[in-house]
C-alpha atoms as a PDB file:
ATOM      1  CA  UNK A   1     -10.081  29.497  -9.260  1.00  0.00           C
ATOM      2  CA  UNK A   2      -8.705  28.007 -11.668  1.00  0.00           C
ATOM      3  CA  UNK A   3      -8.903  24.824 -14.176  1.00  0.00           C
ATOM      4  CA  UNK A   4      -9.242  22.300 -12.465  1.00  0.00           C
ATOM      5  CA  UNK A   5      -7.258  20.047 -15.312  1.00  0.00           C
ATOM      6  CA  UNK A   6      -4.927  22.911 -14.596  1.00  0.00           C
ATOM      7  CA  UNK A   7      -4.414  21.953 -11.438  1.00  0.00           C
ATOM      8  CA  UNK A   8      -4.434  17.987 -11.694  1.00  0.00           C
ATOM      9  CA  UNK A   9      -1.824  18.551 -14.366  1.00  0.00           C
ATOM     10  CA  UNK A  10       0.382  20.388 -11.540  1.00  0.00           C
ATOM     11  CA  UNK A  11      -0.220  17.838  -8.979  1.00  0.00           C
ATOM     12  CA  UNK A  12       0.995  14.987 -11.393  1.00  0.00           C
ATOM     13  CA  UNK A  13       3.874  16.432 -11.903  1.00  0.00           C
ATOM     14  CA  UNK A  14       5.218  17.516  -8.692  1.00  0.00           C
ATOM     15  CA  UNK A  15       4.471  13.688  -6.820  1.00  0.00           C
ATOM     16  CA  UNK A  16       6.911  12.170  -8.599  1.00  0.00           C
ATOM     17  CA  UNK A  17       9.803  14.689  -6.947  1.00  0.00           C
ATOM     18  CA  UNK A  18       7.885  14.249  -3.617  1.00  0.00           C
ATOM     19  CA  UNK A  19       8.647  10.392  -4.095  1.00  0.00           C
ATOM     20  CA  UNK A  20      12.065  10.564  -5.129  1.00  0.00           C
ATOM     21  CA  UNK A  21      13.081  12.564  -2.125  1.00  0.00           C
ATOM     22  CA  UNK A  22      11.915  10.043   0.596  1.00  0.00           C
ATOM     23  CA  UNK A  23      12.906   6.886  -2.423  1.00  0.00           C
ATOM     24  CA  UNK A  24      15.450   4.601  -1.192  1.00  0.00           C
ATOM     25  CA  UNK A  25      17.228   3.402  -3.493  1.00  0.00           C
ATOM     26  CA  UNK A  26      20.488   1.326  -3.963  1.00  0.00           C
ATOM     27  CA  UNK A  27      23.805   1.077  -6.107  1.00  0.00           C
ATOM     28  CA  UNK A  28      23.746  -0.456 -10.364  1.00  0.00           C
ATOM     29  CA  UNK A  29      26.690  -2.785 -10.122  1.00  0.00           C
ATOM     30  CA  UNK A  30      26.139  -5.824 -12.429  1.00  0.00           C
ATOM     31  CA  UNK A  31      28.509  -4.140 -14.850  1.00  0.00           C
ATOM     32  CA  UNK A  32      31.286  -5.935 -16.485  1.00  0.00           C
ATOM     33  CA  UNK A  33      32.625  -2.340 -18.257  1.00  0.00           C
ATOM     34  CA  UNK A  34      31.497   0.325 -15.576  1.00  0.00           C
ATOM     35  CA  UNK A  35      32.236   0.897 -11.878  1.00  0.00           C
ATOM     36  CA  UNK A  36      30.335   3.323  -9.744  1.00  0.00           C
ATOM     37  CA  UNK A  37      32.212   6.027  -9.304  1.00  0.00           C
ATOM     38  CA  UNK A  38      30.172   7.771  -6.950  1.00  0.00           C
ATOM     39  CA  UNK A  39      27.435  10.663  -6.719  1.00  0.00           C
ATOM     40  CA  UNK A  40      28.786  14.580  -8.280  1.00  0.00           C
ATOM     41  CA  UNK A  41      27.306  17.671  -8.605  1.00  0.00           C
ATOM     42  CA  UNK A  42      26.062  18.824 -11.563  1.00  0.00           C
ATOM     43  CA  UNK A  43      28.900  21.571 -12.775  1.00  0.00           C
ATOM     44  CA  UNK A  44      26.134  23.932 -14.499  1.00  0.00           C
ATOM     45  CA  UNK A  45      24.914  26.200 -11.477  1.00  0.00           C
ATOM     46  CA  UNK A  46      28.727  26.293 -10.099  1.00  0.00           C
ATOM     47  CA  UNK A  47      30.300  29.961 -10.156  1.00  0.00           C
ATOM     48  CA  UNK A  48      32.749  30.722 -12.715  1.00  0.00           C
ATOM     49  CA  UNK A  49      32.181  27.174 -14.869  1.00  0.00           C
ATOM     50  CA  UNK A  50      30.733  29.031 -17.712  1.00  0.00           C
ATOM     51  CA  UNK A  51      26.723  26.633 -17.011  1.00  0.00           C
ATOM     52  CA  UNK A  52      29.326  23.501 -18.771  1.00  0.00           C
ATOM     53  CA  UNK A  53      28.276  20.348 -17.536  1.00  0.00           C
ATOM     54  CA  UNK A  54      29.889  18.162 -14.888  1.00  0.00           C
ATOM     55  CA  UNK A  55      29.732  15.187 -18.105  1.00  0.00           C
ATOM     56  CA  UNK A  56      30.244  17.797 -20.870  1.00  0.00           C
ATOM     57  CA  UNK A  57      31.225  17.384 -24.482  1.00  0.00           C
ATOM     58  CA  UNK A  58      29.841  13.713 -25.193  1.00  0.00           C
ATOM     59  CA  UNK A  59      26.511  13.078 -25.820  1.00  0.00           C
ATOM     60  CA  UNK A  60      23.463  12.427 -23.504  1.00  0.00           C
ATOM     61  CA  UNK A  61      20.010  11.326 -24.076  1.00  0.00           C
ATOM     62  CA  UNK A  62      16.743  11.263 -21.908  1.00  0.00           C
ATOM     63  CA  UNK A  63      14.290   8.087 -21.695  1.00  0.00           C
ATOM     64  CA  UNK A  64      10.608   9.475 -19.137  1.00  0.00           C
ATOM     65  CA  UNK A  65       9.682   6.465 -18.082  1.00  0.00           C
ATOM     66  CA  UNK A  66      12.416   4.116 -19.628  1.00  0.00           C
ATOM     67  CA  UNK A  67      15.702   5.631 -18.237  1.00  0.00           C
ATOM     68  CA  UNK A  68      17.848   2.056 -16.571  1.00  0.00           C
ATOM     69  CA  UNK A  69      21.129   2.058 -15.421  1.00  0.00           C
ATOM     70  CA  UNK A  70      21.803  -0.866 -17.289  1.00  0.00           C
ATOM     71  CA  UNK A  71      20.624   1.260 -20.701  1.00  0.00           C
ATOM     72  CA  UNK A  72      22.619   4.893 -20.495  1.00  0.00           C
ATOM     73  CA  UNK A  73      25.530   2.130 -19.629  1.00  0.00           C
ATOM     74  CA  UNK A  74      25.075   0.821 -23.166  1.00  0.00           C
ATOM     75  CA  UNK A  75      24.175   4.010 -24.836  1.00  0.00           C
ATOM     76  CA  UNK A  76      27.179   5.552 -23.353  1.00  0.00           C
ATOM     77  CA  UNK A  77      29.574   2.594 -24.172  1.00  0.00           C
ATOM     78  CA  UNK A  78      28.039   0.900 -27.169  1.00  0.00           C
ATOM     79  CA  UNK A  79      28.582   3.352 -29.751  1.00  0.00           C
ATOM     80  CA  UNK A  80      30.819   4.427 -32.246  1.00  0.00           C
ATOM     81  CA  UNK A  81      33.160   6.427 -28.813  1.00  0.00           C
ATOM     82  CA  UNK A  82      33.409   4.455 -26.300  1.00  0.00           C
ATOM     83  CA  UNK A  83      32.645   6.990 -23.453  1.00  0.00           C
ATOM     84  CA  UNK A  84      34.232   6.722 -19.947  1.00  0.00           C
ATOM     85  CA  UNK A  85      31.748   7.643 -18.327  1.00  0.00           C
ATOM     86  CA  UNK A  86      28.459   7.721 -17.847  1.00  0.00           C
ATOM     87  CA  UNK A  87      25.951   9.411 -15.355  1.00  0.00           C
ATOM     88  CA  UNK A  88      22.609   9.531 -15.067  1.00  0.00           C
ATOM     89  CA  UNK A  89      20.734  12.324 -13.835  1.00  0.00           C
ATOM     90  CA  UNK A  90      17.015  13.842 -12.964  1.00  0.00           C
ATOM     91  CA  UNK A  91      16.263   9.571 -12.804  1.00  0.00           C
ATOM     92  CA  UNK A  92      15.386  10.094 -16.623  1.00  0.00           C
ATOM     93  CA  UNK A  93      18.506  12.024 -18.001  1.00  0.00           C
ATOM     94  CA  UNK A  94      22.207   9.535 -19.290  1.00  0.00           C
ATOM     95  CA  UNK A  95      25.201  11.995 -19.640  1.00  0.00           C
ATOM     96  CA  UNK A  96      28.212  10.066 -21.348  1.00  0.00           C
ATOM     97  CA  UNK A  97      31.538  11.718 -21.261  1.00  0.00           C
ATOM     98  CA  UNK A  98      35.373  11.207 -21.390  1.00  0.00           C
ATOM     99  CA  UNK A  99      36.250  13.394 -18.291  1.00  0.00           C
ATOM    100  CA  UNK A 100      34.522  13.983 -15.572  1.00  0.00           C
ATOM    101  CA  UNK A 101      34.709  18.016 -14.554  1.00  0.00           C
ATOM    102  CA  UNK A 102      37.142  19.128 -12.127  1.00  0.00           C
ATOM    103  CA  UNK A 103      34.701  21.447 -10.052  1.00  0.00           C
ATOM    104  CA  UNK A 104      32.486  18.443  -9.659  1.00  0.00           C
ATOM    105  CA  UNK A 105      32.880  17.578  -6.172  1.00  0.00           C
ATOM    106  CA  UNK A 106      32.031  13.891  -4.638  1.00  0.00           C
ATOM    107  CA  UNK A 107      28.672  13.773  -2.589  1.00  0.00           C
ATOM    108  CA  UNK A 108      27.490  11.267   0.133  1.00  0.00           C
ATOM    109  CA  UNK A 109      25.728   9.239  -1.847  1.00  0.00           C
ATOM    110  CA  UNK A 110      22.759   9.568  -0.402  1.00  0.00           C
ATOM    111  CA  UNK A 111      22.555  12.537  -2.585  1.00  0.00           C
ATOM    112  CA  UNK A 112      22.193  10.836  -5.734  1.00  0.00           C
ATOM    113  CA  UNK A 113      18.357   9.805  -4.345  1.00  0.00           C
ATOM    114  CA  UNK A 114      16.811   9.420  -7.027  1.00  0.00           C
ATOM    115  CA  UNK A 115      14.919   6.186  -9.083  1.00  0.00           C
ATOM    116  CA  UNK A 116      15.447   5.853 -12.622  1.00  0.00           C
ATOM    117  CA  UNK A 117      12.471   5.207 -13.965  1.00  0.00           C
ATOM    118  CA  UNK A 118      12.291   2.643 -15.240  1.00  0.00           C
ATOM    119  CA  UNK A 119      13.505   0.643 -12.103  1.00  0.00           C
ATOM    120  CA  UNK A 120      12.564   2.539  -9.399  1.00  0.00           C
ATOM    121  CA  UNK A 121      14.791   0.300  -7.244  1.00  0.00           C
ATOM    122  CA  UNK A 122      18.484   1.828  -8.468  1.00  0.00           C
ATOM    123  CA  UNK A 123      19.458   5.065  -7.759  1.00  0.00           C
ATOM    124  CA  UNK A 124      19.501   7.652 -11.481  1.00  0.00           C
ATOM    125  CA  UNK A 125      20.705  11.203  -9.667  1.00  0.00           C
ATOM    126  CA  UNK A 126      19.074  13.403  -8.315  1.00  0.00           C
ATOM    127  CA  UNK A 127      18.056  17.475  -8.620  1.00  0.00           C
ATOM    128  CA  UNK A 128      21.983  18.646 -10.205  1.00  0.00           C
ATOM    129  CA  UNK A 129      23.017  15.294  -8.997  1.00  0.00           C
ATOM    130  CA  UNK A 130      24.727  12.658 -10.852  1.00  0.00           C
ATOM    131  CA  UNK A 131      24.993   9.064 -10.362  1.00  0.00           C
ATOM    132  CA  UNK A 132      28.472   8.338 -11.636  1.00  0.00           C
ATOM    133  CA  UNK A 133      29.560   5.002 -13.591  1.00  0.00           C
ATOM    134  CA  UNK A 134      33.768   4.779 -14.896  1.00  0.00           C
ATOM    135  CA  UNK A 135      35.103   2.524 -16.853  1.00  0.00           C
ATOM    136  CA  UNK A 136      36.396   0.031 -15.182  1.00  0.00           C
ATOM    137  CA  UNK A 137      40.240  -0.564 -15.582  1.00  0.00           C
ATOM    138  CA  UNK A 138      39.645  -4.468 -15.559  1.00  0.00           C
ATOM    139  CA  UNK A 139      38.247  -3.706 -19.028  1.00  0.00           C
ATOM    140  CA  UNK A 140      40.241  -1.160 -20.434  1.00  0.00           C
ATOM    141  CA  UNK A 141      38.809   1.619 -23.497  1.00  0.00           C
ATOM    142  CA  UNK A 142      38.755   0.484 -26.397  1.00  0.00           C
ATOM    143  CA  UNK A 143      40.890   1.222 -29.306  1.00  0.00           C
ATOM    144  CA  UNK A 144      38.844   4.716 -30.643  1.00  0.00           C
ATOM    145  CA  UNK A 145      38.361   5.652 -27.357  1.00  0.00           C
ATOM    146  CA  UNK A 146      42.464   5.637 -26.785  1.00  0.00           C
ATOM    147  CA  UNK A 147      42.470   7.017 -29.994  1.00  0.00           C
ATOM    148  CA  UNK A 148      39.643  10.026 -29.077  1.00  0.00           C
ATOM    149  CA  UNK A 149      41.529  10.746 -25.814  1.00  0.00           C
ATOM    150  CA  UNK A 150      44.433  11.379 -27.123  1.00  0.00           C
ATOM    151  CA  UNK A 151      43.226  13.562 -30.052  1.00  0.00           C
ATOM    152  CA  UNK A 152      41.262  15.653 -27.381  1.00  0.00           C
ATOM    153  CA  UNK A 153      44.882  16.010 -25.291  1.00  0.00           C
ATOM    154  CA  UNK A 154      43.478  13.862 -22.321  1.00  0.00           C
ATOM    155  CA  UNK A 155      46.592  10.574 -22.903  1.00  0.00           C
ATOM    156  CA  UNK A 156      50.840  11.719 -23.835  1.00  0.00           C
ATOM    157  CA  UNK A 157      52.237   8.808 -25.220  1.00  0.00           C
ATOM    158  CA  UNK A 158      55.991   8.868 -24.548  1.00  0.00           C
ATOM    159  CA  UNK A 159      58.776   7.149 -26.235  1.00  0.00           C
ATOM    160  CA  UNK A 160      62.390   6.512 -24.979  1.00  0.00           C
END
């Protein structure tokens, strides 16, 4: 029949997924540096993607039970490198990158319906979906971020 504790653990792992699918969440919009960019699909399972991430080549962290949008934006924007994009996935993961994959597709905002584990009123992506924020043009990029973009060839300087 199965061990009762194992059954209980399985049930407890399933409850957050039921709750997340039925949650009503809002988009965070209280950052001077980052602005909401949209809900995007994760690209690891897109044919031809070579399992690369929508926000690949940067840094990431997972904060089970603690993730919030402000924590993710601070993680992506306050380090040695200021990343242009910040994305939240699975209620607890934060992904930072200089670029958003060209094969990532913008989805309806309602597709990113998982609440942040550290703030259940705010959207933190979904199952293979990212709530994406981008550095706003008003805040600009720091010199170090500009140089990072220049180094990887995403910025071209034209001198006449």
